[in-house]
Amino acid sequence: MFENLDFTPFLLSFKLAGLTTLILFVLSLPLAWTLSQSNSKFKPWIEAITALPIVLPPSVLGFYILIVFANIDLAFTFTGLVIASCFYSLPFMVQPLQGGFESLNKNMLEASYISGKSQLTTLFRVALPNIKPALLTALIITFAHTVGEFGVVLMIGGSIPDETKVASIAIYEMVEIMDYDTAHIYSGIMVLISFVVLLSVYIFNHTQKKIGGFNM
């Protein structure tokens, strides 16, 4: 049943999701930390802009990104797909990290500063080790969300074999040509991946709640 299937779209999806997750973690970590520690009047504005991809239709976001990319030859390339995915998945990385940082005991952070540790050291040696559930949620949900992208991917990447034809696009094309058997298999794989990802997050979070405690 599987011998004639092309699994390249899944490999491309995982590659796209992996790169997007890595890039977003590096970019979102200082942003989430700064937002969690800030009382600036501009904080709600930044939070609203960061969360915009959640409520904005993918076609709208994809359209404007496409307009920009068309002028710099990034449209319909894998690199363009990665950049667009970073915009689209940004809130799924920032919000769990920010929520995790904001839930930390402020006295623990103050103790770190009083002991002479810098903000950077406090972030990596105190804050991050104590938000493991939020950190794992951010990483896994960002990865899973990127794997399941469709609207933005279709507009920015199209369907170029071995370049931008990811799993969600492959399923769409199978349905278009009424190849429902292949579409069922591809969709089943996506459902299984999504379930395993979410189950892993919930199991880890429940385990962490039972363990409890803070690390210094």
N, C-alpha and C. Protein backbone atom coordinates (compact mmCIF):
# COMPACT_ATOMS: atom_id res chain seq x y z
N MET A 1 0.83 -1.21 0.00
CA MET A 1 0.00 0.00 0.00
C MET A 1 0.86 1.26 0.00
N PHE A 2 2.03 1.17 0.65
CA PHE A 2 2.87 2.36 0.79
C PHE A 2 4.02 2.41 -0.22
N GLU A 3 4.23 1.31 -0.96
CA GLU A 3 5.43 1.24 -1.79
C GLU A 3 5.46 2.28 -2.91
N ASN A 4 4.29 2.70 -3.40
CA ASN A 4 4.25 3.65 -4.51
C ASN A 4 4.00 5.09 -4.06
N LEU A 5 3.97 5.30 -2.76
CA LEU A 5 3.71 6.65 -2.25
C LEU A 5 4.98 7.49 -2.24
N ASP A 6 4.82 8.78 -2.50
CA ASP A 6 5.93 9.72 -2.46
C ASP A 6 5.92 10.42 -1.10
N PHE A 7 6.90 10.14 -0.27
CA PHE A 7 6.96 10.73 1.06
C PHE A 7 7.82 11.99 1.11
N THR A 8 8.28 12.45 -0.06
CA THR A 8 9.07 13.68 -0.11
C THR A 8 8.32 14.87 0.48
N PRO A 9 6.99 15.02 0.22
CA PRO A 9 6.28 16.15 0.84
C PRO A 9 6.37 16.16 2.36
N PHE A 10 6.38 14.98 2.99
CA PHE A 10 6.49 14.93 4.44
C PHE A 10 7.89 15.33 4.89
N LEU A 11 8.90 14.89 4.16
CA LEU A 11 10.27 15.28 4.48
C LEU A 11 10.44 16.79 4.37
N LEU A 12 9.84 17.38 3.33
CA LEU A 12 9.90 18.83 3.16
C LEU A 12 9.16 19.54 4.30
N SER A 13 8.01 18.98 4.70
CA SER A 13 7.24 19.56 5.80
C SER A 13 8.04 19.56 7.09
N PHE A 14 8.71 18.43 7.38
CA PHE A 14 9.51 18.33 8.60
C PHE A 14 10.73 19.25 8.55
N LYS A 15 11.32 19.35 7.37
CA LYS A 15 12.46 20.26 7.20
C LYS A 15 12.03 21.71 7.42
N LEU A 16 10.90 22.06 6.82
CA LEU A 16 10.36 23.42 6.97
C LEU A 16 10.02 23.71 8.43
N ALA A 17 9.34 22.77 9.07
CA ALA A 17 8.93 22.95 10.46
C ALA A 17 10.13 23.03 11.39
N GLY A 18 11.15 22.20 11.14
CA GLY A 18 12.34 22.20 11.98
C GLY A 18 13.10 23.51 11.90
N LEU A 19 13.31 24.01 10.68
CA LEU A 19 14.02 25.28 10.50
C LEU A 19 13.23 26.44 11.08
N THR A 20 11.92 26.43 10.83
CA THR A 20 11.06 27.50 11.35
C THR A 20 11.08 27.53 12.87
N THR A 21 10.98 26.37 13.50
CA THR A 21 10.99 26.28 14.95
C THR A 21 12.31 26.77 15.53
N LEU A 22 13.41 26.37 14.91
CA LEU A 22 14.73 26.79 15.39
C LEU A 22 14.90 28.30 15.28
N ILE A 23 14.56 28.85 14.12
CA ILE A 23 14.70 30.29 13.91
C ILE A 23 13.80 31.07 14.87
N LEU A 24 12.56 30.62 15.00
CA LEU A 24 11.63 31.33 15.87
C LEU A 24 12.03 31.26 17.33
N PHE A 25 12.62 30.15 17.74
CA PHE A 25 13.07 30.06 19.13
C PHE A 25 14.15 31.10 19.42
N VAL A 26 15.10 31.21 18.51
CA VAL A 26 16.19 32.18 18.68
C VAL A 26 15.65 33.61 18.69
N LEU A 27 14.69 33.90 17.80
CA LEU A 27 14.15 35.26 17.70
C LEU A 27 13.13 35.57 18.80
N SER A 28 12.36 34.57 19.18
CA SER A 28 11.26 34.80 20.12
C SER A 28 11.69 34.81 21.57
N LEU A 29 12.76 34.12 21.89
CA LEU A 29 13.21 34.05 23.29
C LEU A 29 13.47 35.44 23.88
N PRO A 30 14.29 36.27 23.25
CA PRO A 30 14.49 37.62 23.84
C PRO A 30 13.22 38.47 23.79
N LEU A 31 12.40 38.29 22.75
CA LEU A 31 11.16 39.06 22.66
C LEU A 31 10.20 38.68 23.77
N ALA A 32 10.00 37.39 23.98
CA ALA A 32 9.09 36.92 25.03
C ALA A 32 9.59 37.33 26.41
N TRP A 33 10.89 37.23 26.63
CA TRP A 33 11.47 37.62 27.92
C TRP A 33 11.28 39.11 28.17
N THR A 34 11.55 39.93 27.15
CA THR A 34 11.40 41.38 27.28
C THR A 34 9.95 41.76 27.56
N LEU A 35 9.02 41.14 26.83
CA LEU A 35 7.60 41.43 27.04
C LEU A 35 7.15 41.03 28.44
N SER A 36 7.66 39.91 28.93
CA SER A 36 7.25 39.42 30.24
C SER A 36 7.75 40.32 31.37
N GLN A 37 8.85 41.02 31.11
CA GLN A 37 9.43 41.88 32.15
C GLN A 37 9.06 43.34 31.99
N SER A 38 8.32 43.66 30.92
CA SER A 38 8.06 45.06 30.59
C SER A 38 6.71 45.55 31.12
N ASN A 39 6.68 46.82 31.47
CA ASN A 39 5.44 47.50 31.83
C ASN A 39 5.21 48.70 30.91
N SER A 40 5.85 48.67 29.78
CA SER A 40 5.77 49.79 28.84
C SER A 40 4.36 49.94 28.28
N LYS A 41 3.99 51.19 27.97
CA LYS A 41 2.68 51.45 27.38
C LYS A 41 2.58 50.88 25.97
N PHE A 42 3.73 50.55 25.39
CA PHE A 42 3.75 49.99 24.04
C PHE A 42 3.60 48.46 24.04
N LYS A 43 3.64 47.85 25.22
CA LYS A 43 3.56 46.38 25.33
C LYS A 43 2.30 45.81 24.67
N PRO A 44 1.10 46.37 24.91
CA PRO A 44 -0.10 45.82 24.24
C PRO A 44 -0.02 45.91 22.72
N TRP A 45 0.62 46.96 22.22
CA TRP A 45 0.76 47.11 20.77
C TRP A 45 1.64 46.01 20.19
N ILE A 46 2.76 45.77 20.86
CA ILE A 46 3.68 44.72 20.39
C ILE A 46 3.02 43.35 20.50
N GLU A 47 2.29 43.12 21.59
CA GLU A 47 1.59 41.84 21.76
C GLU A 47 0.53 41.64 20.69
N ALA A 48 -0.18 42.70 20.34
CA ALA A 48 -1.22 42.62 19.31
C ALA A 48 -0.61 42.31 17.94
N ILE A 49 0.50 42.97 17.63
CA ILE A 49 1.18 42.73 16.34
C ILE A 49 1.70 41.29 16.28
N THR A 50 2.26 40.85 17.40
CA THR A 50 2.80 39.49 17.47
C THR A 50 1.71 38.43 17.30
N ALA A 51 0.53 38.71 17.85
CA ALA A 51 -0.57 37.74 17.81
C ALA A 51 -1.40 37.83 16.54
N LEU A 52 -1.13 38.82 15.71
CA LEU A 52 -1.96 39.06 14.52
C LEU A 52 -2.13 37.84 13.61
N PRO A 53 -1.09 37.02 13.38
CA PRO A 53 -1.26 35.85 12.51
C PRO A 53 -2.30 34.85 13.00
N ILE A 54 -2.65 34.89 14.29
CA ILE A 54 -3.65 33.95 14.81
C ILE A 54 -5.03 34.25 14.24
N VAL A 55 -5.36 35.54 14.13
CA VAL A 55 -6.70 35.94 13.69
C VAL A 55 -6.74 36.38 12.23
N LEU A 56 -5.59 36.68 11.66
CA LEU A 56 -5.54 37.15 10.28
C LEU A 56 -5.69 35.96 9.33
N PRO A 57 -6.59 36.03 8.34
CA PRO A 57 -6.72 34.93 7.38
C PRO A 57 -5.38 34.65 6.70
N PRO A 58 -4.98 33.39 6.58
CA PRO A 58 -3.70 33.07 5.95
C PRO A 58 -3.56 33.65 4.55
N SER A 59 -4.68 33.74 3.82
CA SER A 59 -4.62 34.29 2.47
C SER A 59 -4.21 35.77 2.48
N VAL A 60 -4.66 36.50 3.51
CA VAL A 60 -4.31 37.92 3.62
C VAL A 60 -2.83 38.07 3.95
N LEU A 61 -2.37 37.32 4.95
CA LEU A 61 -0.96 37.36 5.32
C LEU A 61 -0.10 36.90 4.14
N GLY A 62 -0.53 35.81 3.51
CA GLY A 62 0.22 35.29 2.36
C GLY A 62 0.28 36.27 1.21
N PHE A 63 -0.80 37.00 0.98
CA PHE A 63 -0.85 37.97 -0.12
C PHE A 63 0.19 39.07 0.07
N TYR A 64 0.24 39.64 1.26
CA TYR A 64 1.18 40.74 1.50
C TYR A 64 2.63 40.25 1.51
N ILE A 65 2.86 39.06 2.05
CA ILE A 65 4.21 38.50 2.01
C ILE A 65 4.61 38.23 0.56
N LEU A 66 3.66 37.74 -0.22
CA LEU A 66 3.93 37.46 -1.63
C LEU A 66 4.30 38.74 -2.39
N ILE A 67 3.61 39.83 -2.10
CA ILE A 67 3.91 41.11 -2.74
C ILE A 67 5.36 41.52 -2.46
N VAL A 68 5.76 41.36 -1.20
CA VAL A 68 7.13 41.73 -0.81
C VAL A 68 8.15 40.79 -1.45
N PHE A 69 7.86 39.48 -1.39
CA PHE A 69 8.80 38.49 -1.90
C PHE A 69 8.97 38.57 -3.42
N ALA A 70 7.92 39.00 -4.11
CA ALA A 70 7.98 39.06 -5.58
C ALA A 70 9.05 40.04 -6.04
N ASN A 71 9.36 41.02 -5.20
CA ASN A 71 10.35 42.03 -5.56
C ASN A 71 11.78 41.63 -5.20
N ILE A 72 11.93 40.57 -4.43
CA ILE A 72 13.27 40.14 -4.03
C ILE A 72 13.53 38.67 -4.36
N ASP A 73 12.75 38.15 -5.29
CA ASP A 73 12.95 36.78 -5.81
C ASP A 73 12.93 35.70 -4.74
N LEU A 74 12.05 35.84 -3.75
CA LEU A 74 11.90 34.82 -2.73
C LEU A 74 10.60 34.03 -2.86
N ALA A 75 9.70 34.53 -3.71
CA ALA A 75 8.44 33.82 -3.93
C ALA A 75 8.71 32.49 -4.62
N PHE A 76 7.98 31.46 -4.21
CA PHE A 76 8.06 30.12 -4.78
C PHE A 76 9.45 29.50 -4.63
N THR A 77 10.08 29.78 -3.49
CA THR A 77 11.34 29.15 -3.13
C THR A 77 11.21 28.60 -1.71
N PHE A 78 12.05 27.63 -1.38
CA PHE A 78 11.99 27.07 -0.03
C PHE A 78 12.41 28.09 1.01
N THR A 79 13.38 28.93 0.68
CA THR A 79 13.81 29.99 1.60
C THR A 79 12.67 30.94 1.91
N GLY A 80 11.93 31.32 0.87
CA GLY A 80 10.77 32.18 1.05
C GLY A 80 9.73 31.52 1.92
N LEU A 81 9.59 30.21 1.76
CA LEU A 81 8.63 29.44 2.55
C LEU A 81 9.00 29.46 4.03
N VAL A 82 10.28 29.35 4.32
CA VAL A 82 10.75 29.38 5.71
C VAL A 82 10.47 30.74 6.35
N ILE A 83 10.78 31.81 5.62
CA ILE A 83 10.55 33.16 6.14
C ILE A 83 9.06 33.41 6.38
N ALA A 84 8.25 33.01 5.41
CA ALA A 84 6.79 33.19 5.56
C ALA A 84 6.26 32.38 6.73
N SER A 85 6.79 31.18 6.92
CA SER A 85 6.35 30.33 8.03
C SER A 85 6.73 30.94 9.38
N CYS A 86 7.85 31.64 9.42
CA CYS A 86 8.26 32.31 10.66
C CYS A 86 7.26 33.40 11.04
N PHE A 87 6.78 34.14 10.05
CA PHE A 87 5.76 35.16 10.32
C PHE A 87 4.48 34.50 10.81
N TYR A 88 4.07 33.43 10.12
CA TYR A 88 2.79 32.80 10.40
C TYR A 88 2.77 32.07 11.74
N SER A 89 3.91 31.49 12.14
CA SER A 89 3.95 30.70 13.38
C SER A 89 4.50 31.48 14.57
N LEU A 90 4.83 32.74 14.38
CA LEU A 90 5.43 33.54 15.44
C LEU A 90 4.66 33.50 16.76
N PRO A 91 3.34 33.74 16.78
CA PRO A 91 2.64 33.77 18.08
C PRO A 91 2.64 32.43 18.80
N PHE A 92 2.78 31.33 18.06
CA PHE A 92 2.76 30.02 18.69
C PHE A 92 4.05 29.73 19.46
N MET A 93 5.09 30.51 19.15
CA MET A 93 6.33 30.41 19.91
C MET A 93 6.38 31.47 21.01
N VAL A 94 6.00 32.70 20.69
CA VAL A 94 6.13 33.80 21.64
C VAL A 94 5.18 33.65 22.82
N GLN A 95 3.91 33.36 22.57
CA GLN A 95 2.92 33.38 23.65
C GLN A 95 3.17 32.34 24.74
N PRO A 96 3.48 31.08 24.42
CA PRO A 96 3.77 30.14 25.52
C PRO A 96 5.01 30.53 26.31
N LEU A 97 6.05 31.03 25.62
CA LEU A 97 7.26 31.45 26.32
C LEU A 97 6.97 32.64 27.24
N GLN A 98 6.25 33.62 26.72
CA GLN A 98 5.91 34.80 27.52
C GLN A 98 5.06 34.40 28.72
N GLY A 99 4.08 33.53 28.49
CA GLY A 99 3.23 33.07 29.59
C GLY A 99 4.04 32.33 30.65
N GLY A 100 5.01 31.53 30.20
CA GLY A 100 5.86 30.81 31.14
C GLY A 100 6.70 31.75 31.98
N PHE A 101 7.28 32.76 31.33
CA PHE A 101 8.11 33.74 32.05
C PHE A 101 7.27 34.54 33.06
N GLU A 102 6.06 34.91 32.64
CA GLU A 102 5.20 35.72 33.51
C GLU A 102 4.68 34.92 34.71
N SER A 103 4.68 33.61 34.60
CA SER A 103 4.20 32.78 35.71
C SER A 103 5.27 32.51 36.76
N LEU A 104 6.52 32.89 36.46
CA LEU A 104 7.62 32.65 37.39
C LEU A 104 7.46 33.48 38.66
N ASN A 105 7.94 32.93 39.74
CA ASN A 105 7.95 33.65 41.01
C ASN A 105 8.91 34.83 40.90
N LYS A 106 8.40 36.04 41.06
CA LYS A 106 9.21 37.25 40.93
C LYS A 106 10.33 37.29 41.97
N ASN A 107 10.07 36.73 43.15
CA ASN A 107 11.09 36.71 44.19
C ASN A 107 12.31 35.90 43.77
N MET A 108 12.06 34.85 42.99
CA MET A 108 13.15 34.02 42.49
C MET A 108 14.04 34.81 41.54
N LEU A 109 13.42 35.61 40.68
CA LEU A 109 14.19 36.44 39.75
C LEU A 109 14.95 37.53 40.50
N GLU A 110 14.28 38.14 41.48
CA GLU A 110 14.94 39.19 42.27
C GLU A 110 16.14 38.62 43.03
N ALA A 111 16.00 37.41 43.53
CA ALA A 111 17.10 36.77 44.25
C ALA A 111 18.29 36.55 43.32
N SER A 112 17.99 36.23 42.07
CA SER A 112 19.06 36.05 41.09
C SER A 112 19.80 37.35 40.83
N TYR A 113 19.04 38.44 40.71
CA TYR A 113 19.66 39.74 40.46
C TYR A 113 20.46 40.21 41.67
N ILE A 114 19.91 39.99 42.85
CA ILE A 114 20.60 40.40 44.08
C ILE A 114 21.92 39.65 44.26
N SER A 115 21.93 38.39 43.80
CA SER A 115 23.16 37.59 43.91
C SER A 115 24.21 37.97 42.87
N GLY A 116 23.88 38.96 42.05
CA GLY A 116 24.86 39.47 41.09
C GLY A 116 24.74 38.92 39.69
N LYS A 117 23.72 38.11 39.42
CA LYS A 117 23.57 37.54 38.08
C LYS A 117 22.95 38.57 37.15
N SER A 118 23.43 38.60 35.91
CA SER A 118 22.91 39.53 34.92
C SER A 118 21.56 39.05 34.40
N GLN A 119 20.89 39.90 33.62
CA GLN A 119 19.60 39.50 33.02
C GLN A 119 19.78 38.30 32.12
N LEU A 120 20.89 38.28 31.36
CA LEU A 120 21.14 37.17 30.43
C LEU A 120 21.36 35.87 31.20
N THR A 121 22.16 35.94 32.25
CA THR A 121 22.40 34.75 33.07
C THR A 121 21.12 34.30 33.76
N THR A 122 20.34 35.25 34.24
CA THR A 122 19.07 34.93 34.89
C THR A 122 18.12 34.25 33.91
N LEU A 123 18.12 34.72 32.68
CA LEU A 123 17.25 34.13 31.66
C LEU A 123 17.61 32.67 31.41
N PHE A 124 18.90 32.40 31.21
CA PHE A 124 19.31 31.05 30.81
C PHE A 124 19.55 30.10 31.99
N ARG A 125 19.93 30.63 33.15
CA ARG A 125 20.25 29.76 34.27
C ARG A 125 19.10 29.61 35.27
N VAL A 126 18.18 30.58 35.28
CA VAL A 126 17.09 30.55 36.24
C VAL A 126 15.72 30.42 35.56
N ALA A 127 15.43 31.35 34.64
CA ALA A 127 14.09 31.40 34.04
C ALA A 127 13.80 30.19 33.15
N LEU A 128 14.65 29.94 32.19
CA LEU A 128 14.39 28.85 31.24
C LEU A 128 14.25 27.48 31.90
N PRO A 129 15.14 27.10 32.82
CA PRO A 129 14.99 25.77 33.45
C PRO A 129 13.69 25.62 34.23
N ASN A 130 13.06 26.74 34.59
CA ASN A 130 11.84 26.67 35.39
C ASN A 130 10.55 26.86 34.59
N ILE A 131 10.67 26.91 33.28
CA ILE A 131 9.46 26.98 32.46
C ILE A 131 9.46 25.85 31.42
N LYS A 132 9.92 24.68 31.84
CA LYS A 132 10.05 23.56 30.91
C LYS A 132 8.74 23.21 30.20
N PRO A 133 7.60 23.16 30.92
CA PRO A 133 6.34 22.86 30.20
C PRO A 133 6.02 23.90 29.14
N ALA A 134 6.19 25.18 29.46
CA ALA A 134 5.91 26.25 28.48
C ALA A 134 6.89 26.18 27.33
N LEU A 135 8.15 25.88 27.63
CA LEU A 135 9.17 25.78 26.59
C LEU A 135 8.87 24.64 25.63
N LEU A 136 8.53 23.49 26.19
CA LEU A 136 8.21 22.34 25.33
C LEU A 136 6.96 22.61 24.51
N THR A 137 5.96 23.24 25.13
CA THR A 137 4.74 23.58 24.41
C THR A 137 5.04 24.50 23.24
N ALA A 138 5.85 25.51 23.47
CA ALA A 138 6.21 26.46 22.41
C ALA A 138 6.90 25.76 21.25
N LEU A 139 7.86 24.91 21.56
CA LEU A 139 8.63 24.23 20.52
C LEU A 139 7.77 23.25 19.72
N ILE A 140 7.02 22.43 20.42
CA ILE A 140 6.26 21.37 19.75
C ILE A 140 5.05 21.94 19.00
N ILE A 141 4.33 22.88 19.61
CA ILE A 141 3.17 23.46 18.93
C ILE A 141 3.60 24.26 17.70
N THR A 142 4.71 24.96 17.80
CA THR A 142 5.23 25.69 16.63
C THR A 142 5.58 24.73 15.52
N PHE A 143 6.25 23.63 15.87
CA PHE A 143 6.62 22.62 14.87
C PHE A 143 5.37 22.03 14.23
N ALA A 144 4.40 21.61 15.07
CA ALA A 144 3.19 20.97 14.55
C ALA A 144 2.37 21.94 13.72
N HIS A 145 2.27 23.18 14.16
CA HIS A 145 1.50 24.18 13.43
C HIS A 145 2.12 24.42 12.05
N THR A 146 3.44 24.45 11.99
CA THR A 146 4.13 24.67 10.71
C THR A 146 3.94 23.48 9.78
N VAL A 147 3.99 22.28 10.33
CA VAL A 147 3.76 21.07 9.51
C VAL A 147 2.38 21.12 8.86
N GLY A 148 1.40 21.65 9.59
CA GLY A 148 0.03 21.68 9.08
C GLY A 148 -0.35 22.90 8.28
N GLU A 149 0.59 23.81 8.04
CA GLU A 149 0.28 25.03 7.28
C GLU A 149 -0.26 24.69 5.89
N PHE A 150 -1.18 25.54 5.42
CA PHE A 150 -1.68 25.35 4.06
C PHE A 150 -1.80 26.67 3.30
N GLY A 151 -2.61 27.60 3.82
CA GLY A 151 -2.90 28.83 3.09
C GLY A 151 -1.68 29.63 2.72
N VAL A 152 -0.87 29.95 3.72
CA VAL A 152 0.34 30.73 3.47
C VAL A 152 1.31 29.96 2.58
N VAL A 153 1.44 28.67 2.84
CA VAL A 153 2.34 27.83 2.05
C VAL A 153 1.93 27.81 0.58
N LEU A 154 0.63 27.69 0.34
CA LEU A 154 0.13 27.63 -1.03
C LEU A 154 0.41 28.94 -1.78
N MET A 155 0.20 30.06 -1.11
CA MET A 155 0.37 31.36 -1.76
C MET A 155 1.83 31.71 -1.97
N ILE A 156 2.69 31.36 -1.02
CA ILE A 156 4.10 31.74 -1.10
C ILE A 156 4.92 30.71 -1.87
N GLY A 157 4.62 29.44 -1.65
CA GLY A 157 5.45 28.39 -2.24
C GLY A 157 4.86 27.70 -3.45
N GLY A 158 3.54 27.72 -3.56
CA GLY A 158 2.92 26.99 -4.65
C GLY A 158 3.10 25.49 -4.46
N SER A 159 3.36 24.80 -5.53
CA SER A 159 3.52 23.34 -5.47
C SER A 159 4.64 22.90 -6.41
N ILE A 160 5.86 23.19 -6.02
CA ILE A 160 7.02 22.80 -6.82
C ILE A 160 7.61 21.54 -6.20
N PRO A 161 7.58 20.41 -6.92
CA PRO A 161 8.09 19.15 -6.39
C PRO A 161 9.53 19.28 -5.88
N ASP A 162 9.79 18.69 -4.72
CA ASP A 162 11.11 18.67 -4.10
C ASP A 162 11.59 20.06 -3.66
N GLU A 163 10.73 21.06 -3.73
CA GLU A 163 11.12 22.43 -3.37
C GLU A 163 10.12 23.05 -2.40
N THR A 164 8.86 23.10 -2.79
CA THR A 164 7.84 23.74 -1.94
C THR A 164 6.58 22.89 -1.77
N LYS A 165 6.54 21.71 -2.36
CA LYS A 165 5.35 20.86 -2.27
C LYS A 165 5.39 20.07 -0.96
N VAL A 166 4.82 20.67 0.08
CA VAL A 166 4.81 20.03 1.40
C VAL A 166 3.58 19.14 1.54
N ALA A 167 3.44 18.48 2.68
CA ALA A 167 2.39 17.47 2.85
C ALA A 167 0.99 18.04 2.68
N SER A 168 0.72 19.21 3.25
CA SER A 168 -0.62 19.78 3.16
C SER A 168 -1.00 20.09 1.71
N ILE A 169 -0.04 20.54 0.93
CA ILE A 169 -0.28 20.82 -0.49
C ILE A 169 -0.51 19.52 -1.26
N ALA A 170 0.26 18.49 -0.92
CA ALA A 170 0.12 17.19 -1.58
C ALA A 170 -1.28 16.62 -1.34
N ILE A 171 -1.80 16.75 -0.12
CA ILE A 171 -3.15 16.27 0.19
C ILE A 171 -4.18 17.03 -0.64
N TYR A 172 -4.03 18.32 -0.72
CA TYR A 172 -4.94 19.16 -1.50
C TYR A 172 -4.96 18.73 -2.97
N GLU A 173 -3.79 18.44 -3.51
CA GLU A 173 -3.71 18.03 -4.91
C GLU A 173 -4.32 16.65 -5.13
N MET A 174 -4.14 15.74 -4.16
CA MET A 174 -4.73 14.42 -4.29
C MET A 174 -6.26 14.50 -4.31
N VAL A 175 -6.81 15.38 -3.48
CA VAL A 175 -8.27 15.57 -3.47
C VAL A 175 -8.74 16.18 -4.78
N GLU A 176 -7.96 17.12 -5.32
CA GLU A 176 -8.33 17.78 -6.58
C GLU A 176 -8.44 16.78 -7.73
N ILE A 177 -7.54 15.80 -7.74
CA ILE A 177 -7.57 14.81 -8.84
C ILE A 177 -8.38 13.57 -8.43
N MET A 178 -9.05 13.68 -7.27
CA MET A 178 -9.93 12.62 -6.77
C MET A 178 -9.20 11.32 -6.46
N ASP A 179 -7.94 11.43 -6.08
CA ASP A 179 -7.19 10.27 -5.63
C ASP A 179 -7.38 10.16 -4.11
N TYR A 180 -8.57 9.73 -3.73
CA TYR A 180 -8.92 9.72 -2.32
C TYR A 180 -8.14 8.69 -1.50
N ASP A 181 -7.70 7.62 -2.12
CA ASP A 181 -6.93 6.61 -1.38
C ASP A 181 -5.63 7.21 -0.86
N THR A 182 -4.90 7.90 -1.74
CA THR A 182 -3.65 8.54 -1.32
C THR A 182 -3.92 9.67 -0.34
N ALA A 183 -5.00 10.42 -0.60
CA ALA A 183 -5.36 11.52 0.31
C ALA A 183 -5.67 10.99 1.70
N HIS A 184 -6.34 9.83 1.77
CA HIS A 184 -6.64 9.20 3.07
C HIS A 184 -5.35 8.84 3.80
N ILE A 185 -4.41 8.25 3.08
CA ILE A 185 -3.15 7.83 3.71
C ILE A 185 -2.37 9.03 4.21
N TYR A 186 -2.23 10.04 3.34
CA TYR A 186 -1.51 11.26 3.73
C TYR A 186 -2.18 11.93 4.93
N SER A 187 -3.50 12.04 4.86
CA SER A 187 -4.24 12.69 5.95
C SER A 187 -4.14 11.90 7.24
N GLY A 188 -4.19 10.57 7.12
CA GLY A 188 -4.06 9.72 8.29
C GLY A 188 -2.72 9.89 8.97
N ILE A 189 -1.68 10.02 8.17
CA ILE A 189 -0.34 10.26 8.72
C ILE A 189 -0.30 11.58 9.46
N MET A 190 -0.92 12.61 8.88
CA MET A 190 -0.95 13.93 9.51
C MET A 190 -1.72 13.90 10.82
N VAL A 191 -2.86 13.18 10.84
CA VAL A 191 -3.65 13.06 12.07
C VAL A 191 -2.83 12.35 13.15
N LEU A 192 -2.14 11.28 12.78
CA LEU A 192 -1.33 10.53 13.73
C LEU A 192 -0.21 11.39 14.30
N ILE A 193 0.47 12.13 13.43
CA ILE A 193 1.56 13.00 13.87
C ILE A 193 1.03 14.06 14.84
N SER A 194 -0.09 14.68 14.47
CA SER A 194 -0.67 15.73 15.31
C SER A 194 -1.07 15.18 16.68
N PHE A 195 -1.67 14.00 16.69
CA PHE A 195 -2.11 13.41 17.96
C PHE A 195 -0.91 13.07 18.85
N VAL A 196 0.11 12.47 18.27
CA VAL A 196 1.30 12.10 19.04
C VAL A 196 1.98 13.35 19.61
N VAL A 197 2.04 14.40 18.81
CA VAL A 197 2.65 15.65 19.26
C VAL A 197 1.90 16.22 20.46
N LEU A 198 0.57 16.32 20.33
CA LEU A 198 -0.23 16.88 21.42
C LEU A 198 -0.20 15.99 22.66
N LEU A 199 -0.25 14.68 22.46
CA LEU A 199 -0.20 13.75 23.58
C LEU A 199 1.12 13.90 24.34
N SER A 200 2.21 14.07 23.60
CA SER A 200 3.53 14.25 24.23
C SER A 200 3.55 15.50 25.09
N VAL A 201 2.98 16.58 24.59
CA VAL A 201 2.94 17.84 25.34
C VAL A 201 2.16 17.66 26.63
N TYR A 202 0.95 17.06 26.54
CA TYR A 202 0.11 16.91 27.72
C TYR A 202 0.73 15.96 28.75
N ILE A 203 1.33 14.88 28.30
CA ILE A 203 1.98 13.95 29.23
C ILE A 203 3.12 14.63 29.95
N PHE A 204 3.94 15.37 29.21
CA PHE A 204 5.08 16.06 29.81
C PHE A 204 4.61 17.10 30.82
N ASN A 205 3.60 17.89 30.43
CA ASN A 205 3.10 18.94 31.32
C ASN A 205 2.51 18.37 32.60
N HIS A 206 1.76 17.27 32.49
CA HIS A 206 1.20 16.64 33.69
C HIS A 206 2.30 16.08 34.58
N THR A 207 3.34 15.53 33.96
CA THR A 207 4.47 15.01 34.73
C THR A 207 5.17 16.12 35.49
N GLN A 208 5.37 17.26 34.81
CA GLN A 208 6.04 18.39 35.44
C GLN A 208 5.22 18.95 36.60
N LYS A 209 3.90 18.97 36.45
CA LYS A 209 3.05 19.47 37.53
C LYS A 209 3.16 18.59 38.78
N LYS A 210 3.32 17.29 38.56
CA LYS A 210 3.44 16.37 39.69
C LYS A 210 4.79 16.53 40.39
N ILE A 211 5.83 16.82 39.56
CA ILE A 211 7.18 16.99 40.13
C ILE A 211 7.27 18.29 40.89
N GLY A 212 6.83 19.40 40.20
CA GLY A 212 6.82 20.72 40.83
C GLY A 212 8.21 21.20 41.19
N GLY A 213 8.25 22.36 41.88
CA GLY A 213 9.51 22.89 42.36
C GLY A 213 10.18 23.81 41.37
N PHE A 214 11.19 24.57 41.86
CA PHE A 214 11.95 25.51 41.05
C PHE A 214 13.41 25.15 41.09
N ASN A 215 14.12 25.52 40.02
CA ASN A 215 15.56 25.29 39.96
C ASN A 215 16.29 26.62 40.04
N MET A 216 17.36 26.66 40.82
CA MET A 216 18.18 27.87 40.93
C MET A 216 19.61 27.54 40.53
